[in-house]
Amino acid sequence: MFRLSPNTQKCLKDEMQGNQIVAGEYEITNAPGQKIDYVVRDTKGHILAQKEDISKGKFSFTSEVYDTFEICFISQVPSST
């Protein structure tokens, strides 16, 4: 569990061997006025999974080679114009 302030991001990184399946679950609470997205990337910037405007769910991806992967949760507060 962690706190995500408006218009910030929090990334979690881990090294993985090739051919590993990674699965996780998430649940967003108390984010009034915020839109939360997630994206999973490798060190070359390839996007392995992503979803916008999340609240609760699961994600999974398979690592093809040994690499460090990161999942970032991104908070955005839409501007009111």
PDB file of N, CA and C in Angstrom:
ATOM      1  N   MET A   1       0.847  -1.163   0.000  1.00  0.00           N
ATOM      2  CA  MET A   1       0.000   0.000   0.000  1.00  0.00           C
ATOM      3  C   MET A   1       0.906   1.243   0.000  1.00  0.00           C
ATOM      4  N   PHE A   2       0.489   2.247  -0.777  1.00  0.00           N
ATOM      5  CA  PHE A   2       1.217   3.507  -0.785  1.00  0.00           C
ATOM      6  C   PHE A   2       0.277   4.643  -1.150  1.00  0.00           C
ATOM      7  N   ARG A   3       0.681   5.839  -0.802  1.00  0.00           N
ATOM      8  CA  ARG A   3      -0.098   7.042  -1.107  1.00  0.00           C
ATOM      9  C   ARG A   3       0.429   7.642  -2.407  1.00  0.00           C
ATOM     10  N   LEU A   4      -0.497   8.040  -3.258  1.00  0.00           N
ATOM     11  CA  LEU A   4      -0.148   8.645  -4.538  1.00  0.00           C
ATOM     12  C   LEU A   4      -0.765  10.040  -4.583  1.00  0.00           C
ATOM     13  N   SER A   5       0.076  11.058  -4.443  1.00  0.00           N
ATOM     14  CA  SER A   5      -0.406  12.439  -4.463  1.00  0.00           C
ATOM     15  C   SER A   5      -0.882  12.807  -5.861  1.00  0.00           C
ATOM     16  N   PRO A   6      -1.782  13.799  -5.973  1.00  0.00           N
ATOM     17  CA  PRO A   6      -2.270  14.224  -7.287  1.00  0.00           C
ATOM     18  C   PRO A   6      -1.129  14.647  -8.207  1.00  0.00           C
ATOM     19  N   ASN A   7      -1.242  14.282  -9.474  1.00  0.00           N
ATOM     20  CA  ASN A   7      -0.280  14.638 -10.530  1.00  0.00           C
ATOM     21  C   ASN A   7       1.138  14.160 -10.233  1.00  0.00           C
ATOM     22  N   THR A   8       1.251  12.961  -9.670  1.00  0.00           N
ATOM     23  CA  THR A   8       2.545  12.332  -9.431  1.00  0.00           C
ATOM     24  C   THR A   8       2.487  10.895  -9.928  1.00  0.00           C
ATOM     25  N   GLN A   9       3.606  10.204  -9.830  1.00  0.00           N
ATOM     26  CA  GLN A   9       3.622   8.781 -10.156  1.00  0.00           C
ATOM     27  C   GLN A   9       4.482   8.032  -9.154  1.00  0.00           C
ATOM     28  N   LYS A  10       4.181   6.763  -8.988  1.00  0.00           N
ATOM     29  CA  LYS A  10       4.950   5.872  -8.108  1.00  0.00           C
ATOM     30  C   LYS A  10       5.286   4.643  -8.927  1.00  0.00           C
ATOM     31  N   CYS A  11       6.583   4.308  -8.992  1.00  0.00           N
ATOM     32  CA  CYS A  11       7.026   3.160  -9.774  1.00  0.00           C
ATOM     33  C   CYS A  11       7.657   2.110  -8.872  1.00  0.00           C
ATOM     34  N   LEU A  12       7.368   0.865  -9.154  1.00  0.00           N
ATOM     35  CA  LEU A  12       7.945  -0.277  -8.458  1.00  0.00           C
ATOM     36  C   LEU A  12       8.760  -1.060  -9.478  1.00  0.00           C
ATOM     37  N   LYS A  13      10.018  -1.411  -9.123  1.00  0.00           N
ATOM     38  CA  LYS A  13      10.906  -2.106 -10.062  1.00  0.00           C
ATOM     39  C   LYS A  13      11.330  -3.453  -9.496  1.00  0.00           C
ATOM     40  N   ASP A  14      11.589  -4.388 -10.418  1.00  0.00           N
ATOM     41  CA  ASP A  14      12.084  -5.699 -10.013  1.00  0.00           C
ATOM     42  C   ASP A  14      12.821  -6.334 -11.188  1.00  0.00           C
ATOM     43  N   GLU A  15      13.864  -7.095 -10.873  1.00  0.00           N
ATOM     44  CA  GLU A  15      14.588  -7.861 -11.891  1.00  0.00           C
ATOM     45  C   GLU A  15      13.908  -9.212 -12.047  1.00  0.00           C
ATOM     46  N   MET A  16      13.822  -9.678 -13.300  1.00  0.00           N
ATOM     47  CA  MET A  16      13.192 -10.964 -13.558  1.00  0.00           C
ATOM     48  C   MET A  16      13.958 -11.737 -14.608  1.00  0.00           C
ATOM     49  N   GLN A  17      13.935 -13.036 -14.478  1.00  0.00           N
ATOM     50  CA  GLN A  17      14.514 -13.932 -15.473  1.00  0.00           C
ATOM     51  C   GLN A  17      13.593 -13.952 -16.691  1.00  0.00           C
ATOM     52  N   GLY A  18      14.094 -14.471 -17.793  1.00  0.00           N
ATOM     53  CA  GLY A  18      13.269 -14.620 -18.981  1.00  0.00           C
ATOM     54  C   GLY A  18      12.226 -15.705 -18.780  1.00  0.00           C
ATOM     55  N   ASN A  19      11.131 -15.592 -19.504  1.00  0.00           N
ATOM     56  CA  ASN A  19      10.038 -16.576 -19.470  1.00  0.00           C
ATOM     57  C   ASN A  19       9.338 -16.682 -18.122  1.00  0.00           C
ATOM     58  N   GLN A  20       9.247 -15.585 -17.395  1.00  0.00           N
ATOM     59  CA  GLN A  20       8.502 -15.570 -16.138  1.00  0.00           C
ATOM     60  C   GLN A  20       7.170 -14.883 -16.355  1.00  0.00           C
ATOM     61  N   ILE A  21       6.136 -15.416 -15.744  1.00  0.00           N
ATOM     62  CA  ILE A  21       4.824 -14.779 -15.765  1.00  0.00           C
ATOM     63  C   ILE A  21       4.695 -13.941 -14.502  1.00  0.00           C
ATOM     64  N   VAL A  22       4.302 -12.700 -14.689  1.00  0.00           N
ATOM     65  CA  VAL A  22       4.114 -11.776 -13.577  1.00  0.00           C
ATOM     66  C   VAL A  22       2.642 -11.409 -13.530  1.00  0.00           C
ATOM     67  N   ALA A  23       2.044 -11.523 -12.365  1.00  0.00           N
ATOM     68  CA  ALA A  23       0.633 -11.178 -12.201  1.00  0.00           C
ATOM     69  C   ALA A  23       0.472 -10.375 -10.920  1.00  0.00           C
ATOM     70  N   GLY A  24      -0.445  -9.447 -10.927  1.00  0.00           N
ATOM     71  CA  GLY A  24      -0.690  -8.629  -9.752  1.00  0.00           C
ATOM     72  C   GLY A  24      -2.115  -8.124  -9.728  1.00  0.00           C
ATOM     73  N   GLU A  25      -2.502  -7.618  -8.584  1.00  0.00           N
ATOM     74  CA  GLU A  25      -3.819  -7.017  -8.396  1.00  0.00           C
ATOM     75  C   GLU A  25      -3.634  -5.631  -7.820  1.00  0.00           C
ATOM     76  N   TYR A  26      -4.583  -4.744  -8.097  1.00  0.00           N
ATOM     77  CA  TYR A  26      -4.529  -3.389  -7.561  1.00  0.00           C
ATOM     78  C   TYR A  26      -5.931  -2.935  -7.183  1.00  0.00           C
ATOM     79  N   GLU A  27      -5.976  -1.992  -6.258  1.00  0.00           N
ATOM     80  CA  GLU A  27      -7.232  -1.369  -5.863  1.00  0.00           C
ATOM     81  C   GLU A  27      -6.928   0.066  -5.463  1.00  0.00           C
ATOM     82  N   ILE A  28      -7.618   1.003  -6.078  1.00  0.00           N
ATOM     83  CA  ILE A  28      -7.437   2.423  -5.810  1.00  0.00           C
ATOM     84  C   ILE A  28      -8.544   2.868  -4.857  1.00  0.00           C
ATOM     85  N   THR A  29      -8.158   3.544  -3.784  1.00  0.00           N
ATOM     86  CA  THR A  29      -9.157   4.072  -2.843  1.00  0.00           C
ATOM     87  C   THR A  29      -8.893   5.555  -2.615  1.00  0.00           C
ATOM     88  N   ASN A  30      -9.944   6.271  -2.316  1.00  0.00           N
ATOM     89  CA  ASN A  30      -9.855   7.698  -1.985  1.00  0.00           C
ATOM     90  C   ASN A  30      -9.051   8.512  -2.986  1.00  0.00           C
ATOM     91  N   ALA A  31      -9.521   8.560  -4.224  1.00  0.00           N
ATOM     92  CA  ALA A  31      -8.852   9.363  -5.251  1.00  0.00           C
ATOM     93  C   ALA A  31      -9.853  10.306  -5.917  1.00  0.00           C
ATOM     94  N   PRO A  32     -10.595  11.097  -5.124  1.00  0.00           N
ATOM     95  CA  PRO A  32     -11.613  11.975  -5.719  1.00  0.00           C
ATOM     96  C   PRO A  32     -10.982  13.011  -6.646  1.00  0.00           C
ATOM     97  N   GLY A  33     -11.522  13.128  -7.845  1.00  0.00           N
ATOM     98  CA  GLY A  33     -11.028  14.087  -8.817  1.00  0.00           C
ATOM     99  C   GLY A  33      -9.784  13.648  -9.561  1.00  0.00           C
ATOM    100  N   GLN A  34      -9.257  12.481  -9.242  1.00  0.00           N
ATOM    101  CA  GLN A  34      -8.050  11.995  -9.906  1.00  0.00           C
ATOM    102  C   GLN A  34      -8.379  10.853 -10.863  1.00  0.00           C
ATOM    103  N   LYS A  35      -7.587  10.759 -11.911  1.00  0.00           N
ATOM    104  CA  LYS A  35      -7.641   9.616 -12.821  1.00  0.00           C
ATOM    105  C   LYS A  35      -6.318   8.884 -12.642  1.00  0.00           C
ATOM    106  N   ILE A  36      -6.370   7.584 -12.338  1.00  0.00           N
ATOM    107  CA  ILE A  36      -5.161   6.804 -12.106  1.00  0.00           C
ATOM    108  C   ILE A  36      -4.970   5.826 -13.269  1.00  0.00           C
ATOM    109  N   ASP A  37      -3.766   5.795 -13.822  1.00  0.00           N
ATOM    110  CA  ASP A  37      -3.394   4.865 -14.888  1.00  0.00           C
ATOM    111  C   ASP A  37      -2.229   4.019 -14.393  1.00  0.00           C
ATOM    112  N   TYR A  38      -1.977   2.901 -15.074  1.00  0.00           N
ATOM    113  CA  TYR A  38      -0.736   2.163 -14.823  1.00  0.00           C
ATOM    114  C   TYR A  38      -0.103   1.785 -16.146  1.00  0.00           C
ATOM    115  N   VAL A  39       1.219   1.621 -16.104  1.00  0.00           N
ATOM    116  CA  VAL A  39       1.960   1.175 -17.274  1.00  0.00           C
ATOM    117  C   VAL A  39       3.117   0.305 -16.780  1.00  0.00           C
ATOM    118  N   VAL A  40       3.375  -0.796 -17.502  1.00  0.00           N
ATOM    119  CA  VAL A  40       4.493  -1.695 -17.202  1.00  0.00           C
ATOM    120  C   VAL A  40       5.476  -1.578 -18.358  1.00  0.00           C
ATOM    121  N   ARG A  41       6.767  -1.289 -18.017  1.00  0.00           N
ATOM    122  CA  ARG A  41       7.797  -1.110 -19.046  1.00  0.00           C
ATOM    123  C   ARG A  41       9.040  -1.930 -18.707  1.00  0.00           C
ATOM    124  N   ASP A  42       9.811  -2.244 -19.768  1.00  0.00           N
ATOM    125  CA  ASP A  42      11.136  -2.830 -19.549  1.00  0.00           C
ATOM    126  C   ASP A  42      12.162  -1.702 -19.622  1.00  0.00           C
ATOM    127  N   THR A  43      13.446  -2.030 -19.495  1.00  0.00           N
ATOM    128  CA  THR A  43      14.480  -0.994 -19.478  1.00  0.00           C
ATOM    129  C   THR A  43      14.661  -0.306 -20.829  1.00  0.00           C
ATOM    130  N   LYS A  44      14.153  -0.911 -21.904  1.00  0.00           N
ATOM    131  CA  LYS A  44      14.244  -0.290 -23.224  1.00  0.00           C
ATOM    132  C   LYS A  44      13.038   0.598 -23.518  1.00  0.00           C
ATOM    133  N   GLY A  45      12.105   0.692 -22.548  1.00  0.00           N
ATOM    134  CA  GLY A  45      10.933   1.533 -22.728  1.00  0.00           C
ATOM    135  C   GLY A  45       9.769   0.852 -23.412  1.00  0.00           C
ATOM    136  N   HIS A  46       9.889  -0.452 -23.709  1.00  0.00           N
ATOM    137  CA  HIS A  46       8.775  -1.179 -24.317  1.00  0.00           C
ATOM    138  C   HIS A  46       7.637  -1.313 -23.305  1.00  0.00           C
ATOM    139  N   ILE A  47       6.430  -1.037 -23.736  1.00  0.00           N
ATOM    140  CA  ILE A  47       5.259  -1.161 -22.871  1.00  0.00           C
ATOM    141  C   ILE A  47       4.743  -2.590 -22.945  1.00  0.00           C
ATOM    142  N   LEU A  48       4.692  -3.252 -21.789  1.00  0.00           N
ATOM    143  CA  LEU A  48       4.255  -4.644 -21.722  1.00  0.00           C
ATOM    144  C   LEU A  48       2.794  -4.771 -21.299  1.00  0.00           C
ATOM    145  N   ALA A  49       2.292  -3.787 -20.577  1.00  0.00           N
ATOM    146  CA  ALA A  49       0.889  -3.765 -20.161  1.00  0.00           C
ATOM    147  C   ALA A  49       0.566  -2.335 -19.754  1.00  0.00           C
ATOM    148  N   GLN A  50      -0.679  -1.938 -19.951  1.00  0.00           N
ATOM    149  CA  GLN A  50      -1.107  -0.621 -19.487  1.00  0.00           C
ATOM    150  C   GLN A  50      -2.619  -0.550 -19.471  1.00  0.00           C
ATOM    151  N   LYS A  51      -3.118   0.344 -18.634  1.00  0.00           N
ATOM    152  CA  LYS A  51      -4.554   0.562 -18.563  1.00  0.00           C
ATOM    153  C   LYS A  51      -4.790   1.949 -18.001  1.00  0.00           C
ATOM    154  N   GLU A  52      -5.810   2.608 -18.511  1.00  0.00           N
ATOM    155  CA  GLU A  52      -6.132   3.962 -18.077  1.00  0.00           C
ATOM    156  C   GLU A  52      -7.371   3.977 -17.196  1.00  0.00           C
ATOM    157  N   ASP A  53      -7.429   4.977 -16.346  1.00  0.00           N
ATOM    158  CA  ASP A  53      -8.579   5.238 -15.473  1.00  0.00           C
ATOM    159  C   ASP A  53      -8.979   3.990 -14.687  1.00  0.00           C
ATOM    160  N   ILE A  54      -8.034   3.484 -13.908  1.00  0.00           N
ATOM    161  CA  ILE A  54      -8.246   2.235 -13.173  1.00  0.00           C
ATOM    162  C   ILE A  54      -8.887   2.492 -11.813  1.00  0.00           C
ATOM    163  N   SER A  55      -9.513   1.454 -11.283  1.00  0.00           N
ATOM    164  CA  SER A  55     -10.041   1.524  -9.914  1.00  0.00           C
ATOM    165  C   SER A  55      -9.712   0.232  -9.166  1.00  0.00           C
ATOM    166  N   LYS A  56      -9.942  -0.891  -9.807  1.00  0.00           N
ATOM    167  CA  LYS A  56      -9.650  -2.191  -9.200  1.00  0.00           C
ATOM    168  C   LYS A  56      -9.495  -3.198 -10.324  1.00  0.00           C
ATOM    169  N   GLY A  57      -8.522  -4.084 -10.203  1.00  0.00           N
ATOM    170  CA  GLY A  57      -8.356  -5.073 -11.255  1.00  0.00           C
ATOM    171  C   GLY A  57      -7.075  -5.864 -11.110  1.00  0.00           C
ATOM    172  N   LYS A  58      -6.693  -6.509 -12.204  1.00  0.00           N
ATOM    173  CA  LYS A  58      -5.511  -7.365 -12.243  1.00  0.00           C
ATOM    174  C   LYS A  58      -4.696  -7.036 -13.483  1.00  0.00           C
ATOM    175  N   PHE A  59      -3.414  -7.375 -13.433  1.00  0.00           N
ATOM    176  CA  PHE A  59      -2.562  -7.232 -14.602  1.00  0.00           C
ATOM    177  C   PHE A  59      -1.660  -8.450 -14.680  1.00  0.00           C
ATOM    178  N   SER A  60      -1.156  -8.716 -15.888  1.00  0.00           N
ATOM    179  CA  SER A  60      -0.188  -9.797 -16.052  1.00  0.00           C
ATOM    180  C   SER A  60       0.612  -9.553 -17.326  1.00  0.00           C
ATOM    181  N   PHE A  61       1.834 -10.071 -17.317  1.00  0.00           N
ATOM    182  CA  PHE A  61       2.675 -10.029 -18.496  1.00  0.00           C
ATOM    183  C   PHE A  61       3.728 -11.120 -18.358  1.00  0.00           C
ATOM    184  N   THR A  62       4.373 -11.466 -19.463  1.00  0.00           N
ATOM    185  CA  THR A  62       5.429 -12.468 -19.471  1.00  0.00           C
ATOM    186  C   THR A  62       6.733 -11.802 -19.870  1.00  0.00           C
ATOM    187  N   SER A  63       7.775 -12.028 -19.074  1.00  0.00           N
ATOM    188  CA  SER A  63       9.090 -11.487 -19.415  1.00  0.00           C
ATOM    189  C   SER A  63       9.720 -12.400 -20.461  1.00  0.00           C
ATOM    190  N   GLU A  64      10.248 -11.812 -21.511  1.00  0.00           N
ATOM    191  CA  GLU A  64      10.857 -12.615 -22.565  1.00  0.00           C
ATOM    192  C   GLU A  64      12.333 -12.879 -22.299  1.00  0.00           C
ATOM    193  N   VAL A  65      13.007 -11.909 -21.683  1.00  0.00           N
ATOM    194  CA  VAL A  65      14.440 -12.023 -21.398  1.00  0.00           C
ATOM    195  C   VAL A  65      14.698 -11.501 -19.986  1.00  0.00           C
ATOM    196  N   TYR A  66      15.882 -11.789 -19.461  1.00  0.00           N
ATOM    197  CA  TYR A  66      16.273 -11.229 -18.174  1.00  0.00           C
ATOM    198  C   TYR A  66      16.322  -9.710 -18.315  1.00  0.00           C
ATOM    199  N   ASP A  67      15.627  -8.995 -17.428  1.00  0.00           N
ATOM    200  CA  ASP A  67      15.575  -7.541 -17.507  1.00  0.00           C
ATOM    201  C   ASP A  67      15.010  -7.004 -16.197  1.00  0.00           C
ATOM    202  N   THR A  68      15.073  -5.699 -16.044  1.00  0.00           N
ATOM    203  CA  THR A  68      14.410  -5.037 -14.930  1.00  0.00           C
ATOM    204  C   THR A  68      13.125  -4.436 -15.475  1.00  0.00           C
ATOM    205  N   PHE A  69      12.034  -4.720 -14.817  1.00  0.00           N
ATOM    206  CA  PHE A  69      10.739  -4.236 -15.237  1.00  0.00           C
ATOM    207  C   PHE A  69      10.199  -3.294 -14.180  1.00  0.00           C
ATOM    208  N   GLU A  70       9.396  -2.328 -14.604  1.00  0.00           N
ATOM    209  CA  GLU A  70       8.779  -1.424 -13.651  1.00  0.00           C
ATOM    210  C   GLU A  70       7.303  -1.267 -13.965  1.00  0.00           C
ATOM    211  N   ILE A  71       6.516  -1.149 -12.913  1.00  0.00           N
ATOM    212  CA  ILE A  71       5.112  -0.791 -13.060  1.00  0.00           C
ATOM    213  C   ILE A  71       4.943   0.556 -12.394  1.00  0.00           C
ATOM    214  N   CYS A  72       4.359   1.485 -13.128  1.00  0.00           N
ATOM    215  CA  CYS A  72       4.157   2.833 -12.621  1.00  0.00           C
ATOM    216  C   CYS A  72       2.668   3.122 -12.534  1.00  0.00           C
ATOM    217  N   PHE A  73       2.271   3.653 -11.403  1.00  0.00           N
ATOM    218  CA  PHE A  73       0.913   4.136 -11.203  1.00  0.00           C
ATOM    219  C   PHE A  73       0.988   5.657 -11.312  1.00  0.00           C
ATOM    220  N   ILE A  74       0.151   6.231 -12.173  1.00  0.00           N
ATOM    221  CA  ILE A  74       0.241   7.637 -12.517  1.00  0.00           C
ATOM    222  C   ILE A  74      -1.075   8.333 -12.179  1.00  0.00           C
ATOM    223  N   SER A  75      -0.987   9.382 -11.366  1.00  0.00           N
ATOM    224  CA  SER A  75      -2.157  10.170 -10.982  1.00  0.00           C
ATOM    225  C   SER A  75      -2.241  11.410 -11.867  1.00  0.00           C
ATOM    226  N   GLN A  76      -3.431  11.663 -12.374  1.00  0.00           N
ATOM    227  CA  GLN A  76      -3.662  12.874 -13.159  1.00  0.00           C
ATOM    228  C   GLN A  76      -4.937  13.535 -12.664  1.00  0.00           C
ATOM    229  N   VAL A  77      -4.848  14.821 -12.440  1.00  0.00           N
ATOM    230  CA  VAL A  77      -6.040  15.592 -12.074  1.00  0.00           C
ATOM    231  C   VAL A  77      -6.397  16.439 -13.284  1.00  0.00           C
ATOM    232  N   PRO A  78      -7.536  16.140 -13.910  1.00  0.00           N
ATOM    233  CA  PRO A  78      -7.930  16.916 -15.089  1.00  0.00           C
ATOM    234  C   PRO A  78      -8.084  18.391 -14.729  1.00  0.00           C
ATOM    235  N   SER A  79      -7.602  19.270 -15.612  1.00  0.00           N
ATOM    236  CA  SER A  79      -7.747  20.703 -15.358  1.00  0.00           C
ATOM    237  C   SER A  79      -9.191  21.100 -15.644  1.00  0.00           C
ATOM    238  N   SER A  80      -9.696  21.970 -14.825  1.00  0.00           N
ATOM    239  CA  SER A  80     -11.083  22.419 -14.998  1.00  0.00           C
ATOM    240  C   SER A  80     -11.058  23.748 -15.733  1.00  0.00           C
ATOM    241  N   THR A  81     -11.487  23.678 -16.997  1.00  0.00           N
ATOM    242  CA  THR A  81     -11.487  24.897 -17.819  1.00  0.00           C
ATOM    243  C   THR A  81     -12.869  25.222 -18.285  1.00  0.00           C
TER     244      THR A  81
END
